[in-house]
Amino acid sequence: MELNLDEYSKDELKKLKVDVDRALKTIDQRRKAEAKRAAETAAKEYGFSLDDLVVDGGKGSKGLPKYKNPLDHSQTWTGRGRKPNWVISALEDGQSLDDLKI
């Protein structure tokens, strides 16, 4: 689509600019709504709701755990940030990170 902007008056161009700005603002909202509907459909195919899959922590996901404490499987670590004490102890005892992988 090509517009010949030379054919428009200054007032018409200003109105067109306002309309374009409004459309640009709402396009992201529309695309997000479409993406959410697609994600909800995909989650339902696997027997989940989207809320079951989305973790709302306010700061985003910390990531999936990559390592677990061999002595206490409830303790996990993503591999990001400061190493937990159990990781430090395991490394000092001669284990490698590969030994702790999930």
N, C-alpha and C. Protein backbone atom coordinates (compact mmCIF):
# COMPACT_ATOMS: atom_id res chain seq x y z
N MET A 1 0.85 -1.18 0.00
CA MET A 1 0.00 0.00 0.00
C MET A 1 0.89 1.23 0.00
N GLU A 2 0.67 2.06 -0.96
CA GLU A 2 1.47 3.28 -1.05
C GLU A 2 0.55 4.49 -1.08
N LEU A 3 0.84 5.46 -0.22
CA LEU A 3 0.06 6.69 -0.16
C LEU A 3 0.88 7.82 -0.77
N ASN A 4 0.23 8.66 -1.52
CA ASN A 4 0.89 9.85 -2.01
C ASN A 4 0.59 10.96 -1.01
N LEU A 5 1.51 11.18 -0.10
CA LEU A 5 1.29 12.13 0.99
C LEU A 5 1.24 13.57 0.50
N ASP A 6 1.74 13.82 -0.68
CA ASP A 6 1.71 15.19 -1.23
C ASP A 6 0.28 15.65 -1.51
N GLU A 7 -0.65 14.70 -1.63
CA GLU A 7 -2.04 15.04 -1.93
C GLU A 7 -2.82 15.47 -0.69
N TYR A 8 -2.25 15.29 0.51
CA TYR A 8 -2.94 15.60 1.75
C TYR A 8 -2.60 17.00 2.25
N SER A 9 -3.58 17.62 2.91
CA SER A 9 -3.32 18.91 3.54
C SER A 9 -2.58 18.67 4.86
N LYS A 10 -2.09 19.75 5.44
CA LYS A 10 -1.38 19.65 6.72
C LYS A 10 -2.28 19.06 7.79
N ASP A 11 -3.54 19.51 7.87
CA ASP A 11 -4.48 19.00 8.87
C ASP A 11 -4.78 17.52 8.64
N GLU A 12 -4.92 17.12 7.38
CA GLU A 12 -5.17 15.72 7.07
C GLU A 12 -3.97 14.85 7.46
N LEU A 13 -2.77 15.36 7.22
CA LEU A 13 -1.56 14.62 7.61
C LEU A 13 -1.45 14.48 9.12
N LYS A 14 -1.81 15.54 9.86
CA LYS A 14 -1.78 15.48 11.32
C LYS A 14 -2.78 14.44 11.83
N LYS A 15 -3.98 14.41 11.25
CA LYS A 15 -4.98 13.43 11.64
C LYS A 15 -4.49 12.01 11.30
N LEU A 16 -3.90 11.86 10.14
CA LEU A 16 -3.36 10.57 9.74
C LEU A 16 -2.28 10.11 10.72
N LYS A 17 -1.44 11.05 11.15
CA LYS A 17 -0.37 10.71 12.11
C LYS A 17 -0.97 10.25 13.43
N VAL A 18 -2.01 10.93 13.91
CA VAL A 18 -2.68 10.53 15.15
C VAL A 18 -3.27 9.14 15.00
N ASP A 19 -3.92 8.90 13.86
CA ASP A 19 -4.52 7.58 13.61
C ASP A 19 -3.46 6.49 13.55
N VAL A 20 -2.34 6.77 12.91
CA VAL A 20 -1.25 5.79 12.81
C VAL A 20 -0.67 5.52 14.20
N ASP A 21 -0.45 6.56 14.99
CA ASP A 21 0.09 6.37 16.35
C ASP A 21 -0.86 5.52 17.19
N ARG A 22 -2.16 5.76 17.07
CA ARG A 22 -3.16 5.00 17.81
C ARG A 22 -3.13 3.53 17.36
N ALA A 23 -3.04 3.31 16.06
CA ALA A 23 -3.01 1.94 15.53
C ALA A 23 -1.74 1.21 15.98
N LEU A 24 -0.62 1.93 16.03
CA LEU A 24 0.64 1.31 16.47
C LEU A 24 0.57 0.91 17.94
N LYS A 25 -0.11 1.73 18.76
CA LYS A 25 -0.25 1.39 20.18
C LYS A 25 -1.10 0.14 20.37
N THR A 26 -2.18 0.03 19.61
CA THR A 26 -3.10 -1.08 19.82
C THR A 26 -2.64 -2.36 19.13
N ILE A 27 -1.74 -2.26 18.16
CA ILE A 27 -1.33 -3.47 17.46
C ILE A 27 -0.62 -4.44 18.40
N ASP A 28 0.22 -3.93 19.30
CA ASP A 28 0.88 -4.80 20.27
C ASP A 28 -0.13 -5.46 21.20
N GLN A 29 -1.14 -4.70 21.62
CA GLN A 29 -2.17 -5.27 22.48
C GLN A 29 -2.92 -6.38 21.76
N ARG A 30 -3.25 -6.15 20.49
CA ARG A 30 -3.96 -7.17 19.72
C ARG A 30 -3.09 -8.41 19.52
N ARG A 31 -1.82 -8.21 19.20
CA ARG A 31 -0.92 -9.34 18.98
C ARG A 31 -0.70 -10.14 20.26
N LYS A 32 -0.60 -9.43 21.39
CA LYS A 32 -0.46 -10.13 22.68
C LYS A 32 -1.70 -10.97 22.98
N ALA A 33 -2.88 -10.41 22.68
CA ALA A 33 -4.12 -11.15 22.91
C ALA A 33 -4.17 -12.39 22.02
N GLU A 34 -3.74 -12.25 20.76
CA GLU A 34 -3.70 -13.41 19.86
C GLU A 34 -2.72 -14.46 20.37
N ALA A 35 -1.57 -14.01 20.83
CA ALA A 35 -0.56 -14.94 21.34
C ALA A 35 -1.07 -15.66 22.58
N LYS A 36 -1.76 -14.93 23.44
CA LYS A 36 -2.30 -15.54 24.66
C LYS A 36 -3.34 -16.60 24.32
N ARG A 37 -4.21 -16.30 23.35
CA ARG A 37 -5.21 -17.29 22.93
C ARG A 37 -4.53 -18.53 22.36
N ALA A 38 -3.48 -18.34 21.57
CA ALA A 38 -2.76 -19.48 21.00
C ALA A 38 -2.09 -20.30 22.09
N ALA A 39 -1.51 -19.61 23.08
CA ALA A 39 -0.86 -20.32 24.19
C ALA A 39 -1.89 -21.09 25.02
N GLU A 40 -3.06 -20.49 25.25
CA GLU A 40 -4.11 -21.18 26.00
C GLU A 40 -4.57 -22.43 25.26
N THR A 41 -4.70 -22.33 23.94
CA THR A 41 -5.11 -23.48 23.13
C THR A 41 -4.06 -24.59 23.22
N ALA A 42 -2.79 -24.20 23.10
CA ALA A 42 -1.71 -25.19 23.18
C ALA A 42 -1.67 -25.85 24.56
N ALA A 43 -1.85 -25.07 25.62
CA ALA A 43 -1.84 -25.63 26.97
C ALA A 43 -3.00 -26.62 27.14
N LYS A 44 -4.17 -26.29 26.61
CA LYS A 44 -5.33 -27.18 26.72
C LYS A 44 -5.09 -28.51 26.01
N GLU A 45 -4.35 -28.47 24.90
CA GLU A 45 -4.05 -29.70 24.17
C GLU A 45 -3.27 -30.69 25.03
N TYR A 46 -2.50 -30.15 25.99
CA TYR A 46 -1.72 -31.00 26.89
C TYR A 46 -2.40 -31.20 28.24
N GLY A 47 -3.63 -30.71 28.37
CA GLY A 47 -4.39 -30.92 29.58
C GLY A 47 -4.12 -29.92 30.70
N PHE A 48 -3.58 -28.76 30.34
CA PHE A 48 -3.28 -27.73 31.34
C PHE A 48 -4.01 -26.45 30.98
N SER A 49 -4.13 -25.58 31.99
CA SER A 49 -4.56 -24.22 31.70
C SER A 49 -3.29 -23.38 31.59
N LEU A 50 -3.41 -22.22 31.01
CA LEU A 50 -2.24 -21.35 30.88
C LEU A 50 -1.73 -20.95 32.27
N ASP A 51 -2.65 -20.76 33.22
CA ASP A 51 -2.24 -20.41 34.58
C ASP A 51 -1.42 -21.52 35.24
N ASP A 52 -1.69 -22.78 34.86
CA ASP A 52 -0.90 -23.90 35.39
C ASP A 52 0.56 -23.80 34.96
N LEU A 53 0.80 -23.20 33.80
CA LEU A 53 2.15 -23.19 33.23
C LEU A 53 2.92 -21.91 33.49
N VAL A 54 2.21 -20.84 33.82
CA VAL A 54 2.86 -19.55 33.99
C VAL A 54 3.13 -19.31 35.47
N VAL A 55 4.39 -19.02 35.77
CA VAL A 55 4.78 -18.69 37.15
C VAL A 55 4.77 -17.18 37.27
N ASP A 56 3.96 -16.67 38.19
CA ASP A 56 3.87 -15.22 38.36
C ASP A 56 4.62 -14.82 39.62
N GLY A 57 5.89 -14.49 39.44
CA GLY A 57 6.69 -14.07 40.57
C GLY A 57 6.95 -12.59 40.57
N GLY A 58 6.46 -11.89 39.57
CA GLY A 58 6.68 -10.46 39.51
C GLY A 58 7.98 -10.10 38.83
N LYS A 59 9.02 -10.92 39.00
CA LYS A 59 10.31 -10.60 38.41
C LYS A 59 10.61 -11.51 37.22
N GLY A 60 9.72 -12.41 36.91
CA GLY A 60 10.00 -13.34 35.83
C GLY A 60 10.50 -14.65 36.38
N SER A 61 10.65 -15.58 35.53
CA SER A 61 11.07 -16.91 35.95
C SER A 61 12.55 -16.93 36.30
N LYS A 62 12.89 -17.70 37.32
CA LYS A 62 14.29 -17.87 37.70
C LYS A 62 14.98 -18.86 36.78
N GLY A 63 14.22 -19.60 36.03
CA GLY A 63 14.77 -20.61 35.15
C GLY A 63 14.55 -21.99 35.72
N LEU A 64 14.75 -22.97 34.89
CA LEU A 64 14.57 -24.35 35.33
C LEU A 64 15.81 -24.82 36.07
N PRO A 65 15.63 -25.64 37.11
CA PRO A 65 16.80 -26.14 37.83
C PRO A 65 17.60 -27.09 36.95
N LYS A 66 18.92 -26.99 37.05
CA LYS A 66 19.83 -27.85 36.29
C LYS A 66 20.57 -28.81 37.21
N TYR A 67 20.64 -28.47 38.49
CA TYR A 67 21.41 -29.27 39.44
C TYR A 67 20.57 -29.56 40.67
N LYS A 68 20.83 -30.73 41.30
CA LYS A 68 20.12 -31.05 42.54
C LYS A 68 21.12 -31.60 43.55
N ASN A 69 20.79 -31.39 44.79
CA ASN A 69 21.60 -31.89 45.89
C ASN A 69 21.40 -33.40 45.98
N PRO A 70 22.46 -34.20 45.84
CA PRO A 70 22.28 -35.65 45.89
C PRO A 70 21.81 -36.14 47.26
N LEU A 71 22.02 -35.33 48.31
CA LEU A 71 21.61 -35.72 49.65
C LEU A 71 20.20 -35.24 50.00
N ASP A 72 19.71 -34.25 49.26
CA ASP A 72 18.37 -33.70 49.50
C ASP A 72 17.82 -33.22 48.16
N HIS A 73 17.03 -34.05 47.50
CA HIS A 73 16.56 -33.76 46.15
C HIS A 73 15.60 -32.56 46.09
N SER A 74 15.16 -32.07 47.23
CA SER A 74 14.30 -30.88 47.21
C SER A 74 15.11 -29.61 46.98
N GLN A 75 16.44 -29.71 47.13
CA GLN A 75 17.31 -28.55 46.93
C GLN A 75 17.84 -28.59 45.50
N THR A 76 17.51 -27.55 44.75
CA THR A 76 17.95 -27.45 43.37
C THR A 76 18.59 -26.10 43.12
N TRP A 77 19.26 -26.02 41.97
CA TRP A 77 19.93 -24.78 41.57
C TRP A 77 19.87 -24.66 40.07
N THR A 78 19.61 -23.45 39.56
CA THR A 78 19.50 -23.23 38.12
C THR A 78 20.86 -23.12 37.44
N GLY A 79 21.90 -22.90 38.23
CA GLY A 79 23.22 -22.69 37.64
C GLY A 79 23.51 -21.21 37.46
N ARG A 80 22.55 -20.38 37.86
CA ARG A 80 22.74 -18.93 37.77
C ARG A 80 22.86 -18.35 39.18
N GLY A 81 23.57 -17.27 39.28
CA GLY A 81 23.69 -16.61 40.57
C GLY A 81 24.69 -17.32 41.48
N ARG A 82 24.65 -16.95 42.74
CA ARG A 82 25.58 -17.50 43.72
C ARG A 82 25.34 -18.99 43.92
N LYS A 83 26.40 -19.74 44.05
CA LYS A 83 26.27 -21.18 44.29
C LYS A 83 25.71 -21.42 45.69
N PRO A 84 24.74 -22.30 45.81
CA PRO A 84 24.24 -22.65 47.15
C PRO A 84 25.34 -23.38 47.93
N ASN A 85 25.21 -23.37 49.24
CA ASN A 85 26.21 -24.02 50.09
C ASN A 85 26.38 -25.50 49.77
N TRP A 86 25.28 -26.19 49.43
CA TRP A 86 25.39 -27.61 49.13
C TRP A 86 26.21 -27.86 47.87
N VAL A 87 26.17 -26.91 46.91
CA VAL A 87 27.00 -27.04 45.70
C VAL A 87 28.45 -26.83 46.07
N ILE A 88 28.72 -25.82 46.86
CA ILE A 88 30.10 -25.53 47.28
C ILE A 88 30.67 -26.73 48.03
N SER A 89 29.88 -27.31 48.95
CA SER A 89 30.34 -28.47 49.71
C SER A 89 30.63 -29.65 48.80
N ALA A 90 29.74 -29.90 47.85
CA ALA A 90 29.93 -31.02 46.93
C ALA A 90 31.19 -30.83 46.10
N LEU A 91 31.44 -29.60 45.64
CA LEU A 91 32.65 -29.34 44.85
C LEU A 91 33.91 -29.51 45.70
N GLU A 92 33.83 -29.05 46.96
CA GLU A 92 34.98 -29.23 47.86
C GLU A 92 35.24 -30.70 48.16
N ASP A 93 34.18 -31.53 48.11
CA ASP A 93 34.32 -32.97 48.36
C ASP A 93 34.78 -33.73 47.12
N GLY A 94 35.09 -33.02 46.04
CA GLY A 94 35.62 -33.66 44.86
C GLY A 94 34.60 -33.96 43.77
N GLN A 95 33.33 -33.63 44.00
CA GLN A 95 32.33 -33.85 42.96
C GLN A 95 32.41 -32.71 41.94
N SER A 96 31.92 -32.97 40.74
CA SER A 96 31.87 -31.92 39.72
C SER A 96 30.42 -31.50 39.52
N LEU A 97 30.23 -30.41 38.81
CA LEU A 97 28.86 -29.97 38.51
C LEU A 97 28.14 -31.03 37.68
N ASP A 98 28.89 -31.75 36.84
CA ASP A 98 28.26 -32.82 36.06
C ASP A 98 27.65 -33.89 36.96
N ASP A 99 28.28 -34.12 38.11
CA ASP A 99 27.76 -35.12 39.06
C ASP A 99 26.43 -34.68 39.67
N LEU A 100 26.19 -33.38 39.69
CA LEU A 100 25.00 -32.82 40.32
C LEU A 100 23.88 -32.53 39.34
N LYS A 101 24.13 -32.74 38.03
CA LYS A 101 23.12 -32.45 37.02
C LYS A 101 21.87 -33.29 37.21
N ILE A 102 20.76 -32.65 36.92
CA ILE A 102 19.47 -33.35 37.01
C ILE A 102 19.31 -34.23 35.78
